[in-house]
Structures are given as C-alpha cells and as structure tokens.
Protein backbone atom coordinates (compact mmCIF):
# COMPACT_ATOMS: atom_id res chain seq x y z
CA MET A 1 110.93 69.30 218.25
CA LYS A 2 108.29 68.87 215.53
CA ILE A 3 106.90 71.81 213.77
CA ASN A 4 103.81 71.43 211.60
CA GLY A 5 102.48 74.11 209.06
CA SER A 6 99.60 74.49 206.50
CA VAL A 7 97.76 76.94 204.69
CA GLN A 8 93.99 77.06 204.83
CA TYR A 9 91.62 79.17 202.49
CA ASN A 10 87.83 79.17 203.17
CA ASN A 11 85.82 80.63 200.26
CA ASP A 12 82.00 80.52 200.00
CA GLY A 13 80.42 78.86 196.88
CA MET A 14 79.38 81.93 195.04
CA ARG A 15 82.76 83.62 195.16
CA ILE A 16 84.65 80.69 193.52
CA PRO A 17 83.02 80.83 190.14
CA LEU A 18 82.97 84.79 190.38
CA LYS A 19 86.67 84.89 190.78
CA ALA A 20 87.15 82.27 188.15
CA MET A 21 85.32 84.60 185.73
CA GLN A 22 87.57 87.49 186.77
CA THR A 23 90.65 85.49 185.99
CA GLN A 24 89.28 84.14 182.86
CA SER A 25 88.52 87.80 181.96
CA ARG A 26 92.04 88.88 182.55
CA LEU A 27 93.10 85.80 180.23
CA ILE A 28 90.81 87.01 177.48
CA SER A 29 91.96 90.63 177.71
CA ILE A 30 95.59 89.50 177.25
CA HIS A 31 94.77 87.69 174.14
CA ASN A 32 92.46 90.62 172.86
CA GLU A 33 95.55 92.83 173.31
CA ASN A 34 97.78 90.58 171.31
CA VAL A 35 94.99 90.51 168.62
CA THR A 36 94.90 94.26 168.61
CA GLY A 37 98.83 94.40 168.39
CA PHE A 38 98.74 92.18 165.20
CA ASP A 39 99.48 95.00 162.75
CA LYS A 40 101.49 97.02 165.12
CA VAL A 41 105.28 97.78 164.16
CA GLY A 42 107.62 96.26 166.92
CA TYR A 43 104.66 94.83 169.10
CA GLN A 44 105.73 91.71 171.03
CA ARG A 45 103.34 89.13 171.92
CA LYS A 46 102.35 89.02 175.62
CA GLU A 47 102.00 85.50 177.21
CA ALA A 48 99.84 85.05 180.34
CA VAL A 49 101.52 83.48 183.44
CA VAL A 50 99.12 81.76 185.76
CA SER A 51 99.95 81.55 189.43
CA SER A 52 99.61 77.96 191.14
CA PHE A 53 97.03 79.78 193.46
CA SER A 54 95.02 81.71 190.92
CA GLU A 55 91.91 80.02 191.87
CA TYR A 56 92.23 81.90 195.20
CA LEU A 57 93.85 85.05 194.00
CA GLY A 58 91.69 85.63 191.13
CA PRO A 59 92.93 88.08 188.51
CA ASP A 60 95.72 88.96 190.92
CA GLY A 61 97.30 85.54 190.15
CA ILE A 62 97.76 86.47 186.57
CA SER A 63 100.88 88.05 185.18
CA THR A 64 102.46 88.37 181.82
CA SER A 65 105.77 87.77 180.15
CA ILE A 66 107.01 88.80 176.54
CA ASP A 67 107.58 86.67 173.68
CA ASP A 68 110.77 88.02 172.22
CA LYS A 69 110.89 85.88 169.20
CA VAL A 70 111.46 88.06 165.84
CA GLY A 71 108.22 89.02 164.19
CA ARG A 72 107.13 89.58 160.48
CA ILE A 73 109.77 91.76 158.70
CA ASN A 74 108.36 93.65 155.63
CA MET A 75 110.24 95.63 153.04
CA THR A 76 109.28 99.50 153.09
CA LYS A 77 112.34 100.64 150.94
CA LYS A 78 112.47 103.82 153.30
CA PRO A 79 115.87 104.62 154.34
CA LEU A 80 114.94 105.45 157.99
CA ASP A 81 113.01 102.40 158.46
CA LEU A 82 114.96 99.86 160.45
CA ALA A 83 114.31 96.40 161.38
CA ILE A 84 116.31 93.99 163.70
CA ALA A 85 116.35 90.49 162.41
CA GLN A 86 117.79 89.07 165.65
CA LYS A 87 116.54 89.32 169.29
CA GLY A 88 117.17 92.89 170.61
CA TYR A 89 116.17 96.49 171.05
CA PHE A 90 116.90 99.95 169.99
CA GLN A 91 117.36 102.41 172.82
CA VAL A 92 115.59 105.67 172.67
CA GLU A 93 115.79 108.54 175.27
CA THR A 94 112.46 109.62 176.67
CA ASP A 95 111.36 112.03 179.44
CA ASN A 96 111.04 109.24 181.67
CA GLY A 97 114.42 107.71 181.04
CA ILE A 98 115.66 105.17 178.47
CA LYS A 99 113.11 103.04 176.77
CA LEU A 100 113.75 99.78 174.62
CA THR A 101 111.75 99.37 171.40
CA ARG A 102 111.78 97.22 168.15
CA ASP A 103 109.76 100.09 166.38
CA GLY A 104 112.42 101.17 163.95
CA ARG A 105 110.42 104.02 162.22
CA PHE A 106 112.87 107.02 162.34
CA LYS A 107 113.34 110.44 161.13
CA ILE A 108 115.90 113.21 160.99
CA ASP A 109 115.05 116.71 162.13
CA LYS A 110 116.36 120.03 160.98
CA ASP A 111 119.47 119.78 163.37
CA GLY A 112 120.60 116.21 162.32
CA ASN A 113 119.05 114.43 165.31
CA LEU A 114 117.83 110.81 164.67
CA LEU A 115 114.32 110.61 166.40
CA THR A 116 111.24 108.19 166.71
CA LEU A 117 107.94 109.18 165.48
CA GLU A 118 107.28 110.39 169.08
CA ASP A 119 110.47 112.59 168.89
CA PHE A 120 112.54 110.63 171.30
CA LYS A 121 116.27 110.69 170.57
CA VAL A 122 117.67 107.36 169.26
CA LEU A 123 120.97 106.29 171.07
CA SER A 124 124.04 104.90 169.73
CA ASP A 125 126.04 101.93 170.92
CA SER A 126 127.84 104.43 173.35
CA GLY A 127 124.66 105.44 174.91
CA MET A 128 124.68 108.94 173.35
CA PRO A 129 122.13 110.43 171.07
CA ILE A 130 122.69 110.15 167.45
CA LYS A 131 123.12 113.36 165.59
CA LEU A 132 124.56 113.66 162.05
CA HIS A 133 127.16 116.29 161.62
CA LEU A 134 125.48 117.28 158.26
CA VAL A 135 121.99 117.08 157.16
CA PRO A 136 121.62 115.86 153.61
CA ASP A 137 119.04 117.11 151.18
CA THR A 138 117.55 113.53 150.94
CA VAL A 139 117.39 110.66 153.35
CA GLU A 140 118.38 108.45 150.47
CA LYS A 141 122.06 109.73 151.18
CA ILE A 142 121.99 107.94 154.71
CA LYS A 143 123.27 104.34 154.78
CA ILE A 144 123.09 102.01 157.63
CA ASP A 145 124.71 98.59 157.32
CA SER A 146 123.89 95.31 159.22
CA ASP A 147 126.04 96.28 162.26
CA GLY A 148 124.02 99.43 162.80
CA ALA A 149 126.84 101.71 161.41
CA LEU A 150 125.15 104.73 160.13
CA ARG A 151 126.98 106.80 157.41
CA VAL A 152 125.80 110.08 155.31
CA PHE A 153 126.97 111.08 151.92
CA ASN A 154 128.96 114.25 151.80
CA ASP A 155 128.36 116.13 148.55
CA LYS A 156 131.36 118.11 148.86
CA THR A 157 133.89 115.23 149.29
CA GLY A 158 131.76 112.65 147.48
CA LYS A 159 132.25 110.04 150.17
CA LEU A 160 130.24 108.51 152.88
CA GLU A 161 131.29 109.76 156.19
CA GLY A 162 130.75 107.88 159.41
CA VAL A 163 128.39 109.21 161.89
CA ALA A 164 127.67 106.66 164.73
CA THR A 165 126.51 102.99 165.36
CA VAL A 166 122.72 102.72 166.07
CA GLY A 167 122.83 100.89 169.53
CA VAL A 168 121.05 97.29 169.77
CA VAL A 169 120.82 95.78 173.04
CA ASP A 170 119.01 92.94 174.73
CA ALA A 171 116.42 93.11 177.44
CA ASN A 172 119.23 93.54 180.12
CA GLY A 173 120.77 96.52 178.30
CA VAL A 174 123.85 94.54 176.92
CA LEU A 175 124.93 95.40 173.38
CA VAL A 176 124.17 92.73 170.76
CA GLU A 177 127.23 92.17 168.90
CA LYS A 178 125.64 91.24 165.39
CA PRO A 179 122.18 92.59 165.60
CA ASP A 180 121.59 92.17 161.52
CA VAL A 181 119.87 95.54 161.19
CA LYS A 182 118.10 95.80 157.96
CA GLN A 183 117.67 99.16 156.28
CA GLY A 184 114.51 99.76 154.45
CA TYR A 185 112.58 97.22 156.35
CA LEU A 186 110.04 97.13 159.43
CA GLU A 187 109.23 94.54 161.80
CA TYR A 188 105.47 93.90 162.52
CA SER A 189 104.38 91.66 165.40
CA ASN A 190 105.15 88.10 166.12
CA VAL A 191 101.52 87.44 166.90
CA ALA A 192 99.93 84.45 165.05
CA MET A 193 96.21 85.27 164.80
CA GLN A 194 95.00 81.73 164.41
CA ASN A 195 96.73 80.67 167.63
CA GLU A 196 95.33 83.58 169.70
CA PHE A 197 91.70 82.34 168.82
CA ILE A 198 92.61 78.83 169.29
CA GLU A 199 94.00 79.57 172.84
CA MET A 200 91.10 81.86 173.60
CA MET A 201 88.36 79.34 172.91
CA PRO A 202 88.81 77.06 175.91
CA VAL A 203 89.12 80.31 178.30
CA ILE A 204 85.77 81.41 177.00
CA ARG A 205 84.16 77.97 177.72
CA ASN A 206 85.33 77.97 181.08
CA PHE A 207 84.04 81.62 181.65
CA GLU A 208 80.75 80.45 180.33
CA ALA A 209 80.76 77.28 182.63
CA ASN A 210 81.46 79.27 185.77
CA ARG A 211 78.80 82.01 184.69
CA ASN A 212 76.29 79.28 184.38
CA MET A 213 77.39 77.87 187.88
CA PHE A 214 77.26 81.52 189.44
CA LEU A 215 73.71 82.05 187.99
CA ILE A 216 72.40 78.59 189.42
CA GLN A 217 73.86 79.40 192.93
CA ASN A 218 72.35 82.83 192.78
CA GLN A 219 68.76 81.36 191.68
CA ASN A 220 69.24 78.78 194.47
CA LEU A 221 70.04 81.39 197.16
CA GLN A 222 66.97 83.45 196.00
CA LYS A 223 64.79 80.60 196.55
CA LEU A 224 66.05 79.86 199.92
CA ILE A 225 65.59 83.40 200.84
CA SER A 226 62.05 83.41 199.38
CA GLN A 227 61.28 80.27 201.33
CA LEU A 228 62.73 81.62 204.55
CA GLY A 229 60.68 84.64 204.21
CA SER A 230 57.37 82.75 203.53
CA THR A 231 57.88 80.69 206.74
CA SER A 232 58.80 83.60 209.20
C-alpha cells in the first residue's frame, strides 16, 4: 500500500504582500518593545521566533522567546535594592499566583513584610513570604549576603539576627544554589540598543518592498476594473 500526502495552499497576489507587511510589522513591534525596555529594571530582551510557514500564517507565525542573559548591573547603594548576577528570578506572591521577576526594588512595610514596589510579597527559598521579626528604624540595618540570606541588626542584643533567605529560582521554579545576590545594586535590561536598530533595518526594508508591491498590484487592479467598465 502506498500513501501519498501533500499540503497545498493557494493565495492571491495581493494577500501575499499584505500578510508579509503584517508579519514584518509584528517583528518591528518586538524590536520596539525591546528599545522601550532598555532602561527598565529587570527587563529581559524578547527574541522573535519565526515559523517556517510565516509567509502563509502572517503574524500568527511569529512568537517570542526570552533572552535570559544577565543585564547591566548598576550600583544604587540602597540596602533594599537587589540584583542577581547569575541567571535566575526572585519569586513574588501576586493576586494571580507566584510571579518570577528580576526587578529587585524592594521595601519593608510597617509590619516587617518584604515587598515589591507593587506591594507583592517577596518569597523565601522555602516558598513563604519574608517577614522580619523586628522592623529596624533604618533599612541600613538590613544585610543580605550573596546567597540571599537576610539578616537584621537587633539594637538590644547588638547582633545581626537571621530572618530568611531570599528565594532565587530558574525559569522552571528550581532553586539556584549560588545566585550571587548583590545588595545595593539593580539590574537593568540586557538590551543592546545598537543591535536592535541594526536588526530592525532589513525588516523595515522588507516592509517597504512589500508595500510597494501591494500598491503596484492595487493600481493594476484598478486599471483592469476601469478598462472592464469602459468596454461594457
């Protein structure tokens, strides 16, 4: 027995450049999003993944993946600013479940909870919200080492007392053994601005080429309709 199979797809001439323009517009929007995220804390560059059938699927043939390389780490000297010098994410508890982020701008509320700027609770390596058993009068009394261990200075005992370990996990939620947490630093995006513009240029040229093709085909179609109307 012999089985033959094939996939056939027919498309008219005007739809081909139109779908190509839609695809290239999607690619341009991804680059624009990266450019916009250049100065955002913890932003990770998005990479376009183009399907083999994108010429038929149009923008539906485009998806994205995350570039997880470590971004630019800058000193802030603020005790509750944390950066991860390795690949990994902080875990925060949101209304929609646990979220992973590399944005390490944290704060302490009046009850001693370690929070993000959006008031989400930061989780420890055990998956529990981090809460200080005593709230210091200044955040300079909070110390966090490279493993994420958080300690707070107790004025009564004159000692640093352990609180919890800030949880750092990979994209699959597995704890990172040596996250290299840096206190007093923030990580900005891993976007290289010049690369975004360089990669965007051929996409823009392709868009313009398909736009011109669409306009030519549209003009020819209008001429044909006009000629048919004059002969009828």
